[in-house]
Amino acid sequence: MKMLHTKSSMAVPRTVLFRSTPSSKTSKQRVELPGVHHKDWNSRSLRSYRTRFLSLVGIVGVLLLFGIPLVVMVATSLTPAREVGASVFPKTLDFSNYGAAFAQAPLLKYFGNTLILVAFNVGATLLTCPIVAYSLSKLRWRGRNLVLLLVLSTMMLPSQVTLVPVYIMWDQLNLVGTFWPLIIPQFFGSSFYIYMLRQFFLGIPMEYIEAARVDGAGEFRILFRIVMPMAKPALITVGLFQFVGTWTDFMGPLIYLRDQDLYTISMGMYSFFSSHGTDWAPLMAACTMFTIPTFIIFLIGQRYFVEGASLGGLK
C-alpha cells in the first residue's frame, strides 16, 4: 500500500478516500478533500433526506385532506340515485344528475346573480384599494402612520361584532332585500387588500415616480399609468381573493337577501334540502358546477397569484 503524505502550514482537517488503481488490485491511491469530514457530510445528508421526506409527507397529507372530499363530490354527482351511499365510486356513470340539478333549482338565475355581485365587488376592490395603498406607501403626509394603524386594527375586529349595527343601518336605509348591502362596502376598500397592495407598492422604486412627477404627471396618472401596471401580480392576486370570497359568500346573502329570485349560487344549495330528505346526487352535481369557476380562475391566474402572494407580504 502506497501512502502519499502532504504538509501544510495550516491545520486543515482532511478526509482521506482510497480508490483502487488499474495497475493492481491491492494498491490504493489516497485522495484528500480539504475541510470535509465524513461525519459532517453524513449528518447533512441525513438532515436533507429527512427534510425532503417530511415535506413529501406534508404535501401528500394536504392533497388527501382537500382531494378526498372533491373526489367524493364528483363521484357522487355521477352516481345513480339508487346507488348513492353504497360505494364511493359508481358502477355506472349517470350524467342525468346534472340535468336533475337544473330541474330542481333555477341554477342559471343563481349563477347570474352571483356573477353580478362578483363583477361589482372585484371592480370596486381593484378601483379603491390601490388608491389607499398608494397613498399609504408613496405619498408623504402628516398622520399617515396613524391611518395605517387604524386600517390594520380593523383586521383584528371580528365581523360578527358589527353584524347587528350594520344590519340596522342598511334596514333604516331600506336597502335590505337588495344587492346594495353586499356591493357598497366594497367601494370603501378592505384592510387586508390595502395592506397587501401597500407592501407590494413599497417595493417599487421611487425613481419611476419622481421621474413622472418631473414630467408633470399627477398622482392619479402615476398610479394608473405607472404603479398599477408594475403591480400586476398583486392586483391579480387581490382580484382572485375577492372573486373567491364573493363567489363562496354565504353569510352575506343569507342576511340581506329575502327574495329567492336574488339568491346567489351558495344560497341556492338550500333548494336541494327538504323535510322529506335530500337528493344527494343532484346536490353534488350542483356543488361540482359551483366549484368549477374557482378552479378555472385559479388556473388562469396561478402564476400571478404565486408571485403576488410572495412579493405582496403574505409571509
Protein backbone atom coordinates (compact mmCIF):
# COMPACT_ATOMS: atom_id res chain seq x y z
CA MET A 1 0.00 0.00 0.00
CA LYS A 2 1.42 3.32 -1.05
CA MET A 3 0.74 6.31 1.13
CA LEU A 4 1.05 9.93 -0.02
CA HIS A 5 1.82 12.46 2.69
CA THR A 6 1.32 16.22 2.32
CA LYS A 7 2.48 19.03 4.54
CA SER A 8 0.67 22.25 5.12
CA SER A 9 1.36 25.30 7.25
CA MET A 10 -2.31 25.49 8.21
CA ALA A 11 -4.14 22.89 10.24
CA VAL A 12 -6.86 21.99 7.75
CA PRO A 13 -8.96 18.92 8.53
CA ARG A 14 -8.81 16.39 5.74
CA THR A 15 -10.86 13.41 4.73
CA VAL A 16 -8.89 10.57 3.18
CA LEU A 17 -10.50 8.49 0.49
CA PHE A 18 -8.90 5.43 -1.13
CA ARG A 19 -9.59 4.09 -4.57
CA SER A 20 -8.07 1.17 -6.41
CA THR A 21 -5.71 1.82 -9.30
CA PRO A 22 -5.89 -0.14 -12.54
CA SER A 23 -2.34 -1.46 -12.08
CA SER A 24 -3.01 -3.53 -9.01
CA LYS A 25 -5.98 -4.83 -7.09
CA THR A 26 -4.21 -4.26 -3.79
CA SER A 27 -2.68 -0.86 -4.43
CA LYS A 28 -4.76 2.14 -3.47
CA GLN A 29 -4.45 5.83 -4.21
CA ARG A 30 -5.10 8.32 -1.48
CA VAL A 31 -7.34 11.31 -2.32
CA GLU A 32 -7.64 14.12 0.18
CA LEU A 33 -10.59 16.51 0.37
CA PRO A 34 -9.62 19.56 2.46
CA GLY A 35 -12.11 20.76 5.05
CA VAL A 36 -14.57 17.85 4.71
CA HIS A 37 -15.42 15.33 7.39
CA HIS A 38 -17.32 12.14 6.66
CA LYS A 39 -19.34 12.58 9.83
CA ASP A 40 -20.42 16.13 8.95
CA TRP A 41 -21.25 15.14 5.38
CA ASN A 42 -23.35 12.20 6.54
CA SER A 43 -25.25 14.31 9.07
CA ARG A 44 -26.01 16.99 6.48
CA SER A 45 -27.15 14.37 4.00
CA LEU A 46 -29.35 12.75 6.64
CA ARG A 47 -30.94 16.09 7.53
CA SER A 48 -31.54 16.81 3.85
CA TYR A 49 -33.27 13.48 3.26
CA ARG A 50 -35.28 13.90 6.44
CA THR A 51 -36.46 17.35 5.36
CA ARG A 52 -37.44 16.10 1.93
CA PHE A 53 -39.31 13.16 3.43
CA LEU A 54 -41.24 15.34 5.86
CA SER A 55 -42.06 17.80 3.07
CA LEU A 56 -43.33 14.95 0.91
CA VAL A 57 -45.46 13.61 3.76
CA GLY A 58 -46.91 17.08 4.35
CA ILE A 59 -47.74 17.58 0.68
CA VAL A 60 -49.40 14.17 0.44
CA GLY A 61 -51.36 14.87 3.63
CA VAL A 62 -52.67 18.19 2.29
CA LEU A 63 -53.60 16.60 -1.03
CA LEU A 64 -55.52 13.86 0.75
CA LEU A 65 -57.21 16.35 3.09
CA PHE A 66 -58.54 18.51 0.25
CA GLY A 67 -58.60 15.97 -2.54
CA ILE A 68 -60.71 13.22 -0.99
CA PRO A 69 -63.81 15.44 -0.48
CA LEU A 70 -63.54 16.65 -4.08
CA VAL A 71 -63.26 13.09 -5.38
CA VAL A 72 -66.26 12.01 -3.32
CA MET A 73 -68.26 15.02 -4.53
CA VAL A 74 -67.58 14.37 -8.22
CA ALA A 75 -68.10 10.62 -7.84
CA THR A 76 -71.44 11.12 -6.08
CA SER A 77 -72.57 13.53 -8.79
CA LEU A 78 -72.09 10.72 -11.33
CA THR A 79 -73.73 8.02 -9.20
CA PRO A 80 -77.28 6.83 -9.92
CA ALA A 81 -79.70 7.77 -7.13
CA ARG A 82 -80.28 4.16 -6.10
CA GLU A 83 -76.52 3.57 -5.62
CA VAL A 84 -75.69 6.66 -3.54
CA GLY A 85 -74.05 5.58 -0.30
CA ALA A 86 -73.39 2.03 -1.42
CA SER A 87 -69.84 2.78 -2.56
CA VAL A 88 -67.62 5.75 -3.26
CA PHE A 89 -67.16 5.08 -6.96
CA PRO A 90 -70.24 4.29 -9.06
CA LYS A 91 -70.51 1.15 -11.12
CA THR A 92 -72.18 3.09 -13.93
CA LEU A 93 -71.86 6.81 -14.68
CA ASP A 94 -75.11 8.78 -14.58
CA PHE A 95 -74.81 12.27 -16.08
CA SER A 96 -78.55 12.86 -15.72
CA ASN A 97 -77.91 14.17 -12.20
CA TYR A 98 -76.69 17.44 -13.71
CA GLY A 99 -79.94 17.86 -15.60
CA ALA A 100 -81.87 16.99 -12.45
CA ALA A 101 -79.98 19.71 -10.58
CA PHE A 102 -81.17 22.36 -13.05
CA ALA A 103 -84.69 20.93 -12.82
CA GLN A 104 -84.85 21.17 -9.03
CA ALA A 105 -83.47 24.71 -8.72
CA PRO A 106 -83.08 27.72 -11.06
CA LEU A 107 -79.30 27.43 -11.05
CA LEU A 108 -78.83 29.66 -14.09
CA LYS A 109 -80.54 32.54 -12.28
CA TYR A 110 -78.42 31.90 -9.20
CA PHE A 111 -75.26 31.82 -11.31
CA GLY A 112 -76.27 35.10 -12.94
CA ASN A 113 -76.91 36.80 -9.59
CA THR A 114 -73.55 35.62 -8.30
CA LEU A 115 -71.75 36.90 -11.39
CA ILE A 116 -73.35 40.33 -10.91
CA LEU A 117 -72.02 40.52 -7.36
CA VAL A 118 -68.59 39.25 -8.45
CA ALA A 119 -68.31 41.86 -11.21
CA PHE A 120 -69.23 44.77 -8.93
CA ASN A 121 -67.16 43.63 -5.95
CA VAL A 122 -64.00 42.77 -7.88
CA GLY A 123 -64.22 46.02 -9.85
CA ALA A 124 -64.80 48.11 -6.71
CA THR A 125 -61.94 46.43 -4.87
CA LEU A 126 -59.45 46.92 -7.70
CA LEU A 127 -60.52 50.56 -8.02
CA THR A 128 -60.41 51.75 -4.42
CA CYS A 129 -57.82 49.62 -2.62
CA PRO A 130 -54.88 50.64 -4.87
CA ILE A 131 -55.68 54.32 -4.27
CA VAL A 132 -55.47 53.94 -0.50
CA ALA A 133 -52.43 51.67 -0.72
CA TYR A 134 -50.62 54.18 -2.96
CA SER A 135 -51.37 57.00 -0.53
CA LEU A 136 -50.03 54.97 2.40
CA SER A 137 -46.87 53.88 0.61
CA LYS A 138 -45.72 56.59 -1.81
CA LEU A 139 -47.16 59.87 -0.51
CA ARG A 140 -45.78 61.78 2.47
CA TRP A 141 -48.43 63.39 4.64
CA ARG A 142 -49.00 64.01 8.33
CA GLY A 143 -50.83 61.23 10.14
CA ARG A 144 -50.07 58.58 7.53
CA ASN A 145 -48.76 56.06 10.05
CA LEU A 146 -51.76 56.63 12.32
CA VAL A 147 -54.16 55.95 9.45
CA LEU A 148 -52.22 52.80 8.58
CA LEU A 149 -52.51 51.67 12.20
CA LEU A 150 -56.27 52.26 12.13
CA VAL A 151 -56.59 50.31 8.89
CA LEU A 152 -54.66 47.38 10.35
CA SER A 153 -56.65 47.49 13.58
CA THR A 154 -59.86 46.77 11.68
CA MET A 155 -58.38 43.42 10.68
CA MET A 156 -58.45 42.39 14.34
CA LEU A 157 -62.16 43.23 14.70
CA PRO A 158 -64.40 40.19 14.03
CA SER A 159 -67.17 40.83 11.53
CA GLN A 160 -69.70 39.34 13.96
CA VAL A 161 -69.14 42.31 16.30
CA THR A 162 -70.51 44.81 13.78
CA LEU A 163 -73.08 42.49 12.20
CA VAL A 164 -76.14 43.78 14.07
CA PRO A 165 -75.33 47.53 13.88
CA VAL A 166 -74.55 47.27 10.16
CA TYR A 167 -77.79 45.38 9.51
CA ILE A 168 -79.77 48.06 11.37
CA MET A 169 -78.10 50.75 9.26
CA TRP A 170 -78.99 49.04 5.97
CA ASP A 171 -82.52 48.37 7.22
CA GLN A 172 -83.04 52.05 8.04
CA LEU A 173 -81.84 52.90 4.53
CA ASN A 174 -84.44 50.45 3.13
CA LEU A 175 -81.73 48.51 1.29
CA VAL A 176 -82.24 45.13 2.96
CA GLY A 177 -83.51 42.70 0.34
CA THR A 178 -81.30 44.16 -2.41
CA PHE A 179 -77.75 43.63 -3.64
CA TRP A 180 -76.55 47.01 -2.35
CA PRO A 181 -75.53 45.92 1.18
CA LEU A 182 -73.26 43.37 -0.50
CA ILE A 183 -71.80 45.83 -3.04
CA ILE A 184 -71.47 49.28 -1.44
CA PRO A 185 -68.99 48.24 1.32
CA GLN A 186 -66.51 47.11 -1.34
CA PHE A 187 -66.15 50.71 -2.53
CA PHE A 188 -64.67 51.60 0.87
CA GLY A 189 -61.86 49.09 0.50
CA SER A 190 -60.67 46.11 2.50
CA SER A 191 -57.96 46.48 5.14
CA PHE A 192 -56.33 43.19 4.14
CA TYR A 193 -56.16 44.10 0.44
CA ILE A 194 -54.95 47.62 1.24
CA TYR A 195 -52.14 46.29 3.40
CA MET A 196 -51.18 43.68 0.81
CA LEU A 197 -51.02 46.23 -2.02
CA ARG A 198 -49.14 48.69 0.18
CA GLN A 199 -46.46 46.10 0.86
CA PHE A 200 -46.11 45.50 -2.88
CA PHE A 201 -46.03 49.21 -3.72
CA LEU A 202 -43.19 49.73 -1.23
CA GLY A 203 -41.01 47.56 -3.46
CA ILE A 204 -41.50 49.83 -6.48
CA PRO A 205 -38.52 52.22 -6.80
CA MET A 206 -39.30 55.87 -6.14
CA GLU A 207 -37.17 56.85 -9.15
CA TYR A 208 -40.05 55.96 -11.50
CA ILE A 209 -42.49 58.11 -9.54
CA GLU A 210 -40.10 61.04 -9.18
CA ALA A 211 -39.36 60.98 -12.91
CA ALA A 212 -43.09 61.05 -13.68
CA ARG A 213 -43.59 63.97 -11.32
CA VAL A 214 -40.78 65.87 -13.02
CA ASP A 215 -42.56 65.30 -16.34
CA GLY A 216 -45.68 66.89 -14.87
CA ALA A 217 -47.78 63.77 -14.22
CA GLY A 218 -50.33 63.92 -11.41
CA GLU A 219 -50.63 61.35 -8.67
CA PHE A 220 -53.64 59.60 -10.20
CA ARG A 221 -51.90 59.37 -13.55
CA ILE A 222 -48.79 57.98 -11.88
CA LEU A 223 -50.90 55.43 -10.05
CA PHE A 224 -52.89 54.19 -13.05
CA ARG A 225 -50.17 54.52 -15.70
CA ILE A 226 -47.01 53.50 -13.82
CA VAL A 227 -47.63 51.90 -10.43
CA MET A 228 -50.60 49.66 -11.22
CA PRO A 229 -49.07 48.13 -14.38
CA MET A 230 -45.95 47.32 -12.35
CA ALA A 231 -48.12 45.81 -9.60
CA LYS A 232 -49.99 43.48 -11.95
CA PRO A 233 -49.23 40.28 -9.95
CA ALA A 234 -50.50 41.84 -6.72
CA LEU A 235 -53.64 43.19 -8.39
CA ILE A 236 -54.44 39.81 -9.92
CA THR A 237 -53.93 38.18 -6.53
CA VAL A 238 -56.34 40.65 -4.91
CA GLY A 239 -58.83 40.06 -7.71
CA LEU A 240 -58.61 36.29 -7.21
CA PHE A 241 -59.14 36.61 -3.47
CA GLN A 242 -62.13 38.88 -3.97
CA PHE A 243 -63.61 36.62 -6.66
CA VAL A 244 -63.41 33.54 -4.45
CA GLY A 245 -64.68 35.45 -1.42
CA THR A 246 -67.73 36.78 -3.27
CA TRP A 247 -68.41 33.55 -5.15
CA THR A 248 -68.43 31.44 -1.98
CA ASP A 249 -70.02 34.01 0.35
CA PHE A 250 -72.96 32.53 2.22
CA MET A 251 -73.43 34.69 5.31
CA GLY A 252 -73.96 37.97 3.44
CA PRO A 253 -76.68 36.74 1.06
CA LEU A 254 -78.32 34.82 3.91
CA ILE A 255 -78.68 38.01 5.97
CA TYR A 256 -79.58 40.58 3.33
CA LEU A 257 -81.36 38.72 0.52
CA ARG A 258 -85.01 37.83 1.08
CA ASP A 259 -86.33 37.31 -2.42
CA GLN A 260 -85.48 33.90 -3.86
CA ASP A 261 -85.03 35.49 -7.29
CA LEU A 262 -81.98 37.32 -5.87
CA TYR A 263 -80.34 34.26 -4.32
CA THR A 264 -76.72 33.52 -5.13
CA ILE A 265 -75.44 30.06 -6.00
CA SER A 266 -74.34 29.40 -2.42
CA MET A 267 -77.85 30.19 -1.18
CA GLY A 268 -79.35 28.12 -3.98
CA MET A 269 -77.86 24.97 -2.49
CA TYR A 270 -80.62 25.11 0.11
CA SER A 271 -83.14 24.24 -2.59
CA PHE A 272 -81.96 20.63 -2.51
CA PHE A 273 -82.80 20.17 1.18
CA SER A 274 -86.35 19.40 2.22
CA SER A 275 -88.25 17.83 5.09
CA HIS A 276 -88.67 14.66 3.03
CA GLY A 277 -84.93 14.14 2.65
CA THR A 278 -82.03 15.21 0.47
CA ASP A 279 -81.38 14.11 -3.09
CA TRP A 280 -77.62 13.83 -2.78
CA ALA A 281 -76.73 13.07 -6.39
CA PRO A 282 -78.22 16.29 -7.89
CA LEU A 283 -76.89 18.25 -4.90
CA MET A 284 -73.35 17.02 -5.53
CA ALA A 285 -73.79 17.79 -9.23
CA ALA A 286 -74.72 21.38 -8.34
CA CYS A 287 -71.75 21.60 -5.95
CA THR A 288 -69.42 20.35 -8.69
CA MET A 289 -70.64 23.05 -11.07
CA PHE A 290 -70.32 25.55 -8.23
CA THR A 291 -66.61 24.79 -7.74
CA ILE A 292 -65.60 24.68 -11.42
CA PRO A 293 -65.33 28.50 -11.92
CA THR A 294 -62.97 28.87 -8.96
CA PHE A 295 -60.68 26.19 -10.38
CA ILE A 296 -60.68 27.83 -13.80
CA ILE A 297 -59.95 31.30 -12.41
CA PHE A 298 -57.14 30.00 -10.21
CA LEU A 299 -55.53 28.03 -13.05
CA ILE A 300 -55.62 31.10 -15.29
CA GLY A 301 -54.01 33.38 -12.71
CA GLN A 302 -51.89 30.82 -10.87
CA ARG A 303 -48.53 32.28 -11.92
CA TYR A 304 -49.54 35.81 -10.92
CA PHE A 305 -51.14 34.53 -7.72
CA VAL A 306 -47.94 32.86 -6.51
CA GLU A 307 -45.80 35.86 -7.47
CA GLY A 308 -48.17 38.37 -5.93
CA ALA A 309 -48.58 36.37 -2.74
CA SER A 310 -44.82 36.03 -2.27
CA LEU A 311 -43.98 39.65 -3.07
CA GLY A 312 -47.03 41.26 -1.53
CA GLY A 313 -46.38 40.39 2.09
CA LEU A 314 -48.12 37.02 2.56
CA LYS A 315 -45.27 35.57 4.60
